[in-house]
Amino acid sequence: MKNNLKIKKTLSIGLAFILLFLSSYDLAFAEKADKQPPTPPTNLRIAAASETSVTLEWDAATDNVGVNAYSIYKDGTYFASTLDCTYTVENLTPDMKYEFYVKAKDVRRNLSRPSNILTVTLSKDYVPAPSTEAAKKIVGYYAAWSAYSGFTPDKLDAKRLTHINYAFANIGSDFKIVLGYPDKDPANFKMLQDLKKINPDLKILISVGGWTWSGKFSDAAATEASRAAFAAGCVEFIAMYGLDGVDIDWEYPVGGGLAGNSRRPEDKQNFTLLLKKIREKMDEQGLKDNKHYLLTIAGGASSYYIGNTEPGIFHEYLDYAILMTYDIHGTWDSYTDFNAPLYNNLDASPQYKWSVDSSVNAWINAGFPKEKLVAGVPFYGYLFETSSAGNNGLYQTFSSGKSLSYAAIEANYLNKDGFVRYFHEQSMVPWLYNGKTFISYDDAQSMGLKADYINTKGLGGAAVWELSQDPGKVLLNSLYDNINK
């Protein structure tokens, strides 16, 4: 009997300690949750305007549990609050420039990061322009090395681009980003800034890494200290050269890329943490400068990339992600195939099937918002010297191959030397073949179809790799005309 009482007493004391521990854990968890801000509202836009007033609208914070108000800021200063996703600002002065942004506020009085900044100048005949966040983006990568062959930034069509990503900056031994081409970069940056005289809304970003310079990303993302150093370096770099943001092109977290790249399994979580730290540093600077700095990535098109990263989490820190929906097939394969098929086809094929549509759906299914997805489009193709002549060159073995710019394809192969153009009605891309040479590429027709797909799918826009490969603007004009129709 005494032993039973002793056991019961011991159990009671143990249970009390467990309950005390759980209570302390719950309090610690609640305290941590209290400090977690809500996600920011998005797509701040103008619903209506007059000479002296403007009605703002925005999309609700996606993580809106506990959000009970939205704070409106005018010219960097808190102005008003509302329970709805709309607010009318009155008594404004005509012909004066105003800047607005909105923050979500939860029941714990935590404020989110700001929405996009909306610039407004009212006049008697004011007609609201579409929000730059809501409008489709056309992002063009400008390769720094293009300047060596004479294709300098002043030759770019600023009116048909919303963003230009300058490729690439490198990563230094101190994890800060450095000029990739110091003999060309400063002059190129100056010419890019001059393009804003033609298109004042044009945004210019520095793209970091790429295939060649992704070797230090894993180390830069590995610790809180290295992430802070990299993020601070990003802010310093864009401030020094007057840029609008940073595009992270890590090829690739966890695995892939060049053999000498640093890599570790923890890259999956560290990539998210790195983006979070960059976002924090850029927002801190943005509040000082009364400006929203852009943070974007170039993400892999494959399911392998999605499995090695956290798209369902890191989207919160990005303005958008560019999907590298090209190089789906190429000279590394065993058979000729399409560089950037829009859809999978039903052909019997000796190799894997993947497409732009497959990639987009995989990212959406992984939790990435479709309106933040920007589909990559190639201004280049691949040439293969086939070993056999069946099937008009498609899905055949080959002895050699190389990449070709659209300009080279148009000048040297299109309608020349017996080349016949074929078009795949399911994959919606063309190819050329003359009995021995197979060329996979995109032309004005397929580029227009990709623009239609972006609109129909509700994606954020298109991103071009890369602008020097279409100096005649055949593909760019088709992309622009179809994405804006």
Protein backbone atom coordinates (compact mmCIF):
# COMPACT_ATOMS: atom_id res chain seq x y z
CA MET A 1 0.00 0.00 0.00
CA LYS A 2 2.80 2.39 0.92
CA ASN A 3 4.58 1.56 -2.32
CA ASN A 4 1.41 2.34 -4.32
CA LEU A 5 1.04 5.68 -2.53
CA LYS A 6 4.69 6.44 -3.17
CA ILE A 7 4.28 5.58 -6.86
CA LYS A 8 1.18 7.76 -7.14
CA LYS A 9 2.97 10.63 -5.42
CA THR A 10 5.97 10.27 -7.75
CA LEU A 11 3.68 10.19 -10.81
CA SER A 12 1.86 13.29 -9.59
CA ILE A 13 5.11 15.19 -9.13
CA GLY A 14 6.34 14.04 -12.56
CA LEU A 15 3.08 15.06 -14.19
CA ALA A 16 3.31 18.46 -12.55
CA PHE A 17 6.81 18.95 -13.95
CA ILE A 18 5.64 17.91 -17.43
CA LEU A 19 2.71 20.32 -17.30
CA LEU A 20 5.01 23.08 -16.08
CA PHE A 21 7.43 22.37 -18.95
CA LEU A 22 4.64 22.33 -21.55
CA SER A 23 3.25 25.56 -20.15
CA SER A 24 6.69 27.20 -20.36
CA TYR A 25 7.10 25.86 -23.91
CA ASP A 26 3.70 27.22 -24.93
CA LEU A 27 4.56 30.62 -23.46
CA ALA A 28 7.91 30.67 -25.27
CA PHE A 29 6.23 29.63 -28.51
CA ALA A 30 3.51 32.24 -28.08
CA GLU A 31 6.12 34.89 -27.31
CA LYS A 32 8.00 33.94 -30.48
CA ALA A 33 4.75 33.96 -32.50
CA ASP A 34 3.91 37.39 -31.12
CA LYS A 35 7.06 38.74 -32.75
CA GLN A 36 6.38 37.16 -36.15
CA PRO A 37 5.03 39.87 -38.49
CA PRO A 38 2.29 39.16 -41.04
CA THR A 39 3.09 38.87 -44.73
CA PRO A 40 2.85 42.16 -46.66
CA PRO A 41 -0.07 43.19 -48.85
CA THR A 42 0.68 43.10 -52.57
CA ASN A 43 -0.30 44.69 -55.87
CA LEU A 44 -0.98 48.20 -54.57
CA ARG A 45 -2.75 49.96 -57.42
CA ILE A 46 -5.05 52.86 -58.35
CA ALA A 47 -8.75 52.07 -58.57
CA ALA A 48 -9.89 55.63 -59.32
CA ALA A 49 -8.50 59.14 -59.31
CA SER A 50 -9.46 62.78 -59.75
CA GLU A 51 -7.54 66.01 -59.74
CA THR A 52 -7.34 66.01 -55.93
CA SER A 53 -7.99 62.44 -54.76
CA VAL A 54 -6.90 58.87 -55.40
CA THR A 55 -8.53 55.59 -54.42
CA LEU A 56 -5.98 52.90 -53.60
CA GLU A 57 -6.59 49.16 -53.74
CA TRP A 58 -4.36 46.23 -52.81
CA ASP A 59 -4.42 42.46 -52.41
CA ALA A 60 -4.73 41.18 -48.86
CA ALA A 61 -1.80 39.70 -46.99
CA THR A 62 -1.66 36.00 -47.93
CA ASP A 63 -0.93 34.98 -44.35
CA ASN A 64 -3.80 37.05 -43.02
CA VAL A 65 -4.49 35.18 -39.78
CA GLY A 66 -4.80 37.86 -37.16
CA VAL A 67 -4.52 40.76 -39.63
CA ASN A 68 -7.08 43.33 -38.49
CA ALA A 69 -6.01 46.52 -40.25
CA TYR A 70 -3.91 48.02 -43.01
CA SER A 71 -1.74 51.10 -42.46
CA ILE A 72 -1.38 53.55 -45.36
CA TYR A 73 1.82 55.55 -45.75
CA LYS A 74 2.16 58.71 -47.80
CA ASP A 75 5.65 59.89 -48.73
CA GLY A 76 7.16 57.55 -46.15
CA THR A 77 4.98 58.72 -43.24
CA TYR A 78 2.04 56.92 -41.63
CA PHE A 79 -1.16 58.50 -42.91
CA ALA A 80 -4.25 56.40 -42.09
CA SER A 81 -5.60 52.94 -41.28
CA THR A 82 -8.46 50.90 -42.72
CA LEU A 83 -10.05 47.50 -42.20
CA ASP A 84 -10.59 47.05 -45.94
CA CYS A 85 -8.24 46.57 -48.91
CA THR A 86 -9.13 49.97 -50.30
CA TYR A 87 -8.78 53.58 -49.16
CA THR A 88 -9.45 56.99 -50.71
CA VAL A 89 -6.90 59.72 -50.07
CA GLU A 90 -8.40 63.19 -50.49
CA ASN A 91 -7.27 66.83 -50.49
CA LEU A 92 -4.21 66.16 -52.63
CA THR A 93 -2.47 68.92 -54.59
CA PRO A 94 -2.60 68.69 -58.41
CA ASP A 95 0.74 68.27 -60.23
CA MET A 96 2.48 67.19 -57.02
CA LYS A 97 4.21 63.81 -56.84
CA TYR A 98 3.09 61.44 -54.06
CA GLU A 99 4.36 58.00 -53.08
CA PHE A 100 2.16 55.48 -51.27
CA TYR A 101 2.67 52.07 -49.72
CA VAL A 102 0.66 49.89 -47.34
CA LYS A 103 1.52 47.57 -44.41
CA ALA A 104 -0.57 44.85 -42.82
CA LYS A 105 -1.08 45.04 -39.04
CA ASP A 106 -2.15 42.07 -36.89
CA VAL A 107 -3.92 41.89 -33.54
CA ARG A 108 -0.53 41.91 -31.78
CA ARG A 109 0.23 45.25 -33.50
CA ASN A 110 3.02 43.69 -35.58
CA LEU A 111 3.53 45.44 -38.90
CA SER A 112 4.43 43.65 -42.12
CA ARG A 113 7.03 44.74 -44.62
CA PRO A 114 5.72 47.40 -47.03
CA SER A 115 3.83 46.63 -50.21
CA ASN A 116 5.14 47.86 -53.53
CA ILE A 117 5.53 51.66 -53.66
CA LEU A 118 3.02 53.45 -55.90
CA THR A 119 3.98 56.85 -57.36
CA VAL A 120 1.14 59.22 -58.28
CA THR A 121 1.05 62.70 -59.81
CA LEU A 122 -2.51 63.97 -60.24
CA SER A 123 -3.73 66.45 -62.84
CA LYS A 124 -6.99 67.58 -64.37
CA ASP A 125 -6.87 64.94 -67.11
CA TYR A 126 -5.27 62.22 -64.98
CA VAL A 127 -5.74 58.67 -66.24
CA PRO A 128 -4.44 55.97 -63.89
CA ALA A 129 -1.65 53.87 -65.34
CA PRO A 130 -1.65 50.17 -64.45
CA SER A 131 0.32 49.25 -61.35
CA THR A 132 3.84 48.17 -62.31
CA GLU A 133 3.35 45.17 -60.05
CA ALA A 134 0.09 44.17 -61.72
CA ALA A 135 1.32 44.76 -65.28
CA LYS A 136 3.19 41.95 -67.02
CA LYS A 137 6.94 42.16 -66.66
CA ILE A 138 9.36 41.82 -69.55
CA VAL A 139 12.74 41.24 -67.96
CA GLY A 140 15.77 41.26 -70.20
CA TYR A 141 19.13 39.86 -69.18
CA TYR A 142 21.98 41.96 -70.52
CA ALA A 143 25.25 40.00 -70.57
CA ALA A 144 28.20 42.21 -69.64
CA TRP A 145 30.43 40.48 -72.18
CA SER A 146 28.16 41.68 -74.99
CA ALA A 147 29.98 45.00 -74.80
CA TYR A 148 33.18 43.36 -76.08
CA SER A 149 31.48 42.65 -79.41
CA GLY A 150 29.92 46.12 -79.63
CA PHE A 151 26.43 45.38 -78.32
CA THR A 152 26.50 48.03 -75.58
CA PRO A 153 23.53 48.87 -73.33
CA ASP A 154 22.64 51.98 -75.31
CA LYS A 155 21.43 49.62 -78.06
CA LEU A 156 18.71 48.11 -75.83
CA ASP A 157 15.03 48.89 -76.44
CA ALA A 158 14.09 50.48 -73.13
CA LYS A 159 10.46 50.98 -74.18
CA ARG A 160 9.85 47.24 -74.52
CA LEU A 161 11.45 46.23 -71.24
CA THR A 162 10.24 46.71 -67.67
CA HIS A 163 13.39 45.35 -66.01
CA ILE A 164 16.99 44.75 -67.07
CA ASN A 165 19.15 42.24 -65.20
CA TYR A 166 22.84 42.94 -65.62
CA ALA A 167 24.77 39.65 -65.73
CA PHE A 168 26.89 39.01 -63.77
CA ALA A 169 28.52 40.12 -60.56
CA ASN A 170 30.87 37.75 -58.75
CA ILE A 171 31.21 36.89 -55.04
CA GLY A 172 34.41 37.92 -53.25
CA SER A 173 36.32 36.06 -50.55
CA ASP A 174 34.56 38.21 -47.92
CA PHE A 175 31.17 37.11 -49.35
CA LYS A 176 30.43 40.57 -50.71
CA ILE A 177 29.53 40.95 -54.37
CA VAL A 178 32.11 42.46 -56.69
CA LEU A 179 32.25 43.61 -60.30
CA GLY A 180 32.46 40.73 -62.73
CA TYR A 181 33.90 42.77 -65.61
CA PRO A 182 35.54 45.82 -64.04
CA ASP A 183 36.83 47.04 -67.40
CA LYS A 184 33.27 47.26 -68.78
CA ASP A 185 30.83 47.36 -65.88
CA PRO A 186 31.05 51.05 -64.80
CA ALA A 187 30.51 52.33 -68.35
CA ASN A 188 27.73 49.80 -68.89
CA PHE A 189 25.98 50.90 -65.69
CA LYS A 190 26.10 54.51 -66.87
CA MET A 191 24.50 53.60 -70.19
CA LEU A 192 21.83 51.56 -68.42
CA GLN A 193 20.97 54.53 -66.21
CA ASP A 194 20.65 56.70 -69.33
CA LEU A 195 17.91 54.34 -70.55
CA LYS A 196 15.70 55.67 -67.75
CA LYS A 197 15.50 58.94 -69.64
CA ILE A 198 13.58 56.97 -72.27
CA ASN A 199 11.62 54.81 -69.82
CA PRO A 200 11.51 56.35 -66.31
CA ASP A 201 9.80 53.23 -64.90
CA LEU A 202 12.60 50.91 -66.03
CA LYS A 203 14.20 48.92 -63.20
CA ILE A 204 17.83 47.82 -63.34
CA LEU A 205 19.09 44.94 -61.21
CA ILE A 206 22.46 43.31 -60.71
CA SER A 207 22.38 39.56 -61.27
CA VAL A 208 24.83 37.69 -59.06
CA GLY A 209 26.43 34.33 -59.80
CA GLY A 210 25.26 32.49 -62.88
CA TRP A 211 26.72 29.24 -64.14
CA THR A 212 30.33 30.38 -63.80
CA TRP A 213 30.27 32.31 -60.50
CA SER A 214 28.01 30.28 -58.19
CA GLY A 215 30.92 28.61 -56.42
CA LYS A 216 30.74 30.60 -53.17
CA PHE A 217 26.97 30.73 -52.66
CA SER A 218 26.81 27.71 -50.36
CA ASP A 219 29.50 29.15 -48.09
CA ALA A 220 27.90 32.60 -48.14
CA ALA A 221 24.57 31.10 -47.06
CA ALA A 222 26.00 28.73 -44.43
CA THR A 223 25.99 30.90 -41.28
CA GLU A 224 24.20 33.90 -39.87
CA ALA A 225 27.44 35.89 -40.07
CA SER A 226 28.14 35.00 -43.71
CA ARG A 227 24.53 35.68 -44.71
CA ALA A 228 24.67 39.08 -43.03
CA ALA A 229 27.91 39.91 -44.85
CA PHE A 230 26.47 38.91 -48.21
CA ALA A 231 23.24 40.84 -47.62
CA ALA A 232 25.12 43.95 -46.52
CA GLY A 233 27.29 43.66 -49.62
CA CYS A 234 24.19 43.55 -51.82
CA VAL A 235 22.90 46.79 -50.31
CA GLU A 236 26.31 48.45 -50.65
CA PHE A 237 26.63 47.42 -54.29
CA ILE A 238 23.23 48.68 -55.44
CA ALA A 239 23.75 51.92 -53.53
CA MET A 240 27.16 52.45 -55.12
CA TYR A 241 25.90 51.99 -58.67
CA GLY A 242 22.37 53.39 -58.30
CA LEU A 243 20.60 50.10 -59.05
CA ASP A 244 17.06 49.04 -58.19
CA GLY A 245 17.68 45.58 -56.78
CA VAL A 246 19.46 42.24 -56.84
CA ASP A 247 18.78 39.05 -58.79
CA ILE A 248 20.27 35.93 -57.18
CA ASP A 249 21.29 33.31 -59.75
CA TRP A 250 22.59 30.41 -57.64
CA GLU A 251 23.26 27.43 -59.90
CA TYR A 252 22.48 25.37 -57.83
CA PRO A 253 21.65 24.82 -54.14
CA VAL A 254 22.48 21.31 -52.80
CA GLY A 255 23.64 19.88 -56.13
CA GLY A 256 24.35 20.62 -59.76
CA GLY A 257 26.41 23.38 -61.32
CA LEU A 258 30.16 23.31 -61.75
CA ALA A 259 32.08 20.51 -60.09
CA GLY A 260 34.18 22.93 -58.03
CA ASN A 261 31.22 24.75 -56.45
CA SER A 262 30.81 24.55 -52.69
CA ARG A 263 27.66 22.62 -51.77
CA ARG A 264 26.00 21.04 -48.74
CA PRO A 265 22.63 19.42 -47.94
CA GLU A 266 21.80 22.39 -45.70
CA ASP A 267 21.69 24.64 -48.79
CA LYS A 268 17.97 23.88 -49.00
CA GLN A 269 17.17 25.76 -45.79
CA ASN A 270 20.13 28.14 -45.99
CA PHE A 271 18.98 29.48 -49.37
CA THR A 272 15.71 30.58 -47.76
CA LEU A 273 17.58 32.13 -44.84
CA LEU A 274 19.89 33.97 -47.22
CA LEU A 275 16.96 35.46 -49.13
CA LYS A 276 15.30 36.44 -45.84
CA LYS A 277 18.44 38.26 -44.69
CA ILE A 278 18.83 40.10 -48.01
CA ARG A 279 15.18 41.13 -47.87
CA GLU A 280 15.62 42.47 -44.33
CA LYS A 281 18.71 44.50 -45.23
CA MET A 282 17.14 45.87 -48.40
CA ASP A 283 13.97 46.86 -46.58
CA GLU A 284 16.01 48.65 -43.92
CA GLN A 285 17.75 50.64 -46.63
CA GLY A 286 14.48 51.14 -48.50
CA LEU A 287 12.87 52.80 -45.51
CA LYS A 288 15.79 55.24 -45.33
CA ASP A 289 15.63 55.92 -49.06
CA ASN A 290 11.81 55.84 -49.31
CA LYS A 291 12.18 53.21 -52.03
CA HIS A 292 11.35 49.54 -52.50
CA TYR A 293 14.40 47.57 -53.63
CA LEU A 294 13.71 44.48 -55.69
CA LEU A 295 14.88 41.00 -54.75
CA THR A 296 14.48 38.27 -57.37
CA ILE A 297 16.01 34.92 -58.24
CA ALA A 298 16.66 32.88 -61.34
CA GLY A 299 15.35 29.44 -60.41
CA GLY A 300 15.87 26.08 -62.06
CA ALA A 301 13.07 24.73 -64.22
CA SER A 302 13.36 21.12 -63.05
CA SER A 303 11.64 19.20 -60.26
CA TYR A 304 15.15 18.45 -58.97
CA TYR A 305 15.66 22.17 -58.24
CA ILE A 306 12.29 22.39 -56.50
CA GLY A 307 13.18 19.42 -54.31
CA ASN A 308 16.44 21.08 -53.28
CA THR A 309 14.84 24.42 -52.33
CA GLU A 310 11.78 25.78 -50.50
CA PRO A 311 9.64 27.70 -53.03
CA GLY A 312 6.60 27.50 -50.76
CA ILE A 313 8.49 29.47 -48.11
CA PHE A 314 11.01 31.76 -49.80
CA HIS A 315 8.44 33.37 -52.12
CA GLU A 316 7.58 35.67 -49.23
CA TYR A 317 10.93 37.41 -49.56
CA LEU A 318 10.90 37.78 -53.35
CA ASP A 319 9.28 40.23 -55.70
CA TYR A 320 9.29 37.48 -58.33
CA ALA A 321 11.21 34.43 -59.50
CA ILE A 322 12.48 33.89 -63.02
CA LEU A 323 12.14 30.28 -64.17
CA MET A 324 14.99 29.22 -66.42
CA THR A 325 12.58 27.43 -68.73
CA TYR A 326 15.14 26.83 -71.45
CA ASP A 327 18.03 24.38 -71.79
CA ILE A 328 15.35 21.75 -71.16
CA HIS A 329 17.16 19.75 -73.84
CA GLY A 330 20.53 20.46 -75.42
CA THR A 331 23.85 19.13 -76.56
CA TRP A 332 24.40 17.28 -73.26
CA ASP A 333 21.57 14.87 -74.20
CA SER A 334 21.91 11.74 -76.31
CA TYR A 335 19.26 12.75 -78.86
CA THR A 336 18.15 15.90 -80.65
CA ASP A 337 15.21 17.58 -78.96
CA PHE A 338 13.63 20.96 -78.22
CA ASN A 339 15.43 23.66 -76.24
CA ALA A 340 12.25 25.15 -74.72
CA PRO A 341 9.04 23.24 -75.60
CA LEU A 342 5.97 25.04 -74.33
CA TYR A 343 4.11 21.79 -73.60
CA ASN A 344 4.96 18.13 -73.34
CA ASN A 345 4.00 16.21 -76.47
CA LEU A 346 2.68 12.69 -77.02
CA ASP A 347 5.55 11.60 -79.28
CA ALA A 348 7.35 8.34 -78.69
CA SER A 349 10.72 9.65 -77.53
CA PRO A 350 13.90 7.94 -76.28
CA GLN A 351 14.40 10.57 -73.56
CA TYR A 352 12.58 12.44 -70.80
CA LYS A 353 9.68 14.82 -71.37
CA TRP A 354 9.68 18.26 -69.72
CA SER A 355 8.41 21.67 -70.78
CA VAL A 356 7.71 25.27 -69.81
CA ASP A 357 4.24 24.24 -68.69
CA SER A 358 5.59 21.31 -66.63
CA SER A 359 7.94 23.65 -64.79
CA VAL A 360 5.33 26.31 -64.13
CA ASN A 361 2.88 23.74 -62.75
CA ALA A 362 5.56 22.17 -60.56
CA TRP A 363 6.44 25.55 -59.00
CA ILE A 364 2.77 26.38 -58.41
CA ASN A 365 2.18 22.96 -56.85
CA ALA A 366 5.18 23.60 -54.58
CA GLY A 367 3.38 26.64 -53.17
CA PHE A 368 4.89 29.49 -55.21
CA PRO A 369 2.31 32.15 -56.22
CA LYS A 370 1.78 32.08 -59.98
CA GLU A 371 1.61 35.86 -60.24
CA LYS A 372 5.21 35.96 -58.98
CA LEU A 373 6.44 33.48 -61.61
CA VAL A 374 8.23 34.99 -64.61
CA ALA A 375 8.78 32.45 -67.37
CA GLY A 376 12.17 32.45 -69.05
CA VAL A 377 12.30 32.55 -72.85
CA PRO A 378 15.42 31.89 -74.96
CA PHE A 379 16.74 34.17 -77.68
CA TYR A 380 18.99 31.32 -78.82
CA GLY A 381 18.79 27.72 -80.00
CA TYR A 382 20.88 24.58 -80.45
CA LEU A 383 22.41 23.11 -83.60
CA PHE A 384 23.04 19.35 -83.86
CA GLU A 385 24.86 17.42 -86.61
CA THR A 386 22.68 14.34 -86.80
CA SER A 387 23.89 10.79 -87.30
CA SER A 388 20.68 9.68 -89.04
CA ALA A 389 18.02 11.42 -91.11
CA GLY A 390 14.76 10.02 -89.71
CA ASN A 391 11.81 11.99 -88.33
CA ASN A 392 13.04 15.22 -89.95
CA GLY A 393 15.96 15.22 -87.54
CA LEU A 394 13.92 15.10 -84.31
CA TYR A 395 14.91 12.56 -81.59
CA GLN A 396 17.98 11.45 -83.54
CA THR A 397 21.51 10.73 -82.33
CA PHE A 398 24.11 13.36 -83.19
CA SER A 399 27.86 13.66 -83.51
CA SER A 400 28.33 17.28 -82.39
CA GLY A 401 26.39 20.35 -81.40
CA LYS A 402 26.57 23.98 -80.27
CA SER A 403 24.40 26.91 -79.22
CA LEU A 404 23.41 29.62 -81.71
CA SER A 405 21.90 33.06 -81.23
CA TYR A 406 18.62 33.78 -82.97
CA ALA A 407 20.47 36.39 -85.03
CA ALA A 408 22.89 33.71 -86.31
CA ILE A 409 20.04 31.30 -87.05
CA GLU A 410 18.17 33.97 -89.00
CA ALA A 411 21.25 35.12 -90.93
CA ASN A 412 22.82 31.75 -91.76
CA TYR A 413 20.20 29.01 -91.71
CA LEU A 414 16.62 30.25 -92.05
CA ASN A 415 15.49 29.71 -95.68
CA LYS A 416 19.06 28.79 -96.69
CA ASP A 417 20.99 25.68 -97.81
CA GLY A 418 17.99 23.41 -98.05
CA PHE A 419 16.77 24.05 -94.51
CA VAL A 420 13.06 23.39 -94.04
CA ARG A 421 11.11 24.85 -91.12
CA TYR A 422 8.92 22.43 -89.19
CA PHE A 423 6.55 23.22 -86.32
CA HIS A 424 5.40 20.92 -83.54
CA GLU A 425 1.71 21.49 -82.92
CA GLN A 426 1.81 20.06 -79.38
CA SER A 427 5.12 21.44 -78.09
CA MET A 428 4.45 24.68 -80.01
CA VAL A 429 8.04 25.31 -81.12
CA PRO A 430 9.73 25.21 -84.52
CA TRP A 431 12.85 23.49 -85.79
CA LEU A 432 14.97 23.55 -88.93
CA TYR A 433 16.39 20.54 -90.78
CA ASN A 434 18.23 20.01 -94.05
CA GLY A 435 18.84 16.27 -93.92
CA LYS A 436 21.90 16.42 -91.67
CA THR A 437 21.70 19.50 -89.41
CA PHE A 438 18.92 19.90 -86.84
CA ILE A 439 18.29 23.31 -85.20
CA SER A 440 15.95 23.79 -82.24
CA TYR A 441 15.00 27.43 -81.67
CA ASP A 442 12.20 29.92 -80.99
CA ASP A 443 10.87 32.32 -83.60
CA ALA A 444 8.26 35.09 -83.67
CA GLN A 445 5.39 32.58 -83.78
CA SER A 446 6.49 30.46 -80.82
CA MET A 447 7.47 33.56 -78.84
CA GLY A 448 3.96 34.91 -79.35
CA LEU A 449 2.48 31.61 -78.17
CA LYS A 450 4.60 31.73 -75.04
CA ALA A 451 3.37 35.26 -74.37
CA ASP A 452 -0.21 34.05 -74.79
CA TYR A 453 0.49 31.23 -72.34
CA ILE A 454 1.87 33.69 -69.76
CA ASN A 455 -1.28 35.79 -70.01
CA THR A 456 -3.68 32.85 -69.93
CA LYS A 457 -1.88 31.20 -67.02
CA GLY A 458 -1.83 34.44 -65.01
CA LEU A 459 1.93 34.53 -64.62
CA GLY A 460 3.96 37.62 -63.75
CA GLY A 461 5.64 38.00 -67.12
CA ALA A 462 8.57 36.84 -69.24
CA ALA A 463 12.35 36.99 -68.87
CA VAL A 464 14.74 36.91 -71.82
CA TRP A 465 18.11 35.18 -71.93
CA GLU A 466 19.70 37.20 -73.41
CA LEU A 467 19.18 40.45 -75.27
CA SER A 468 22.29 40.59 -77.48
CA GLN A 469 21.18 37.41 -79.26
CA ASP A 470 18.30 39.23 -80.98
CA PRO A 471 19.71 42.63 -81.97
CA GLY A 472 17.08 42.99 -84.68
CA LYS A 473 14.36 42.66 -81.99
CA VAL A 474 12.36 40.08 -83.99
CA LEU A 475 11.67 37.99 -80.90
CA LEU A 476 11.45 40.91 -78.50
CA ASN A 477 8.84 42.66 -80.64
CA SER A 478 6.72 39.51 -80.81
CA LEU A 479 7.01 38.97 -77.06
CA TYR A 480 6.10 42.58 -76.28
CA ASP A 481 3.23 42.81 -78.75
CA ASN A 482 1.60 39.57 -77.61
CA ILE A 483 2.08 39.97 -73.88
CA ASN A 484 0.47 43.44 -74.02
CA LYS A 485 -2.40 42.72 -76.39
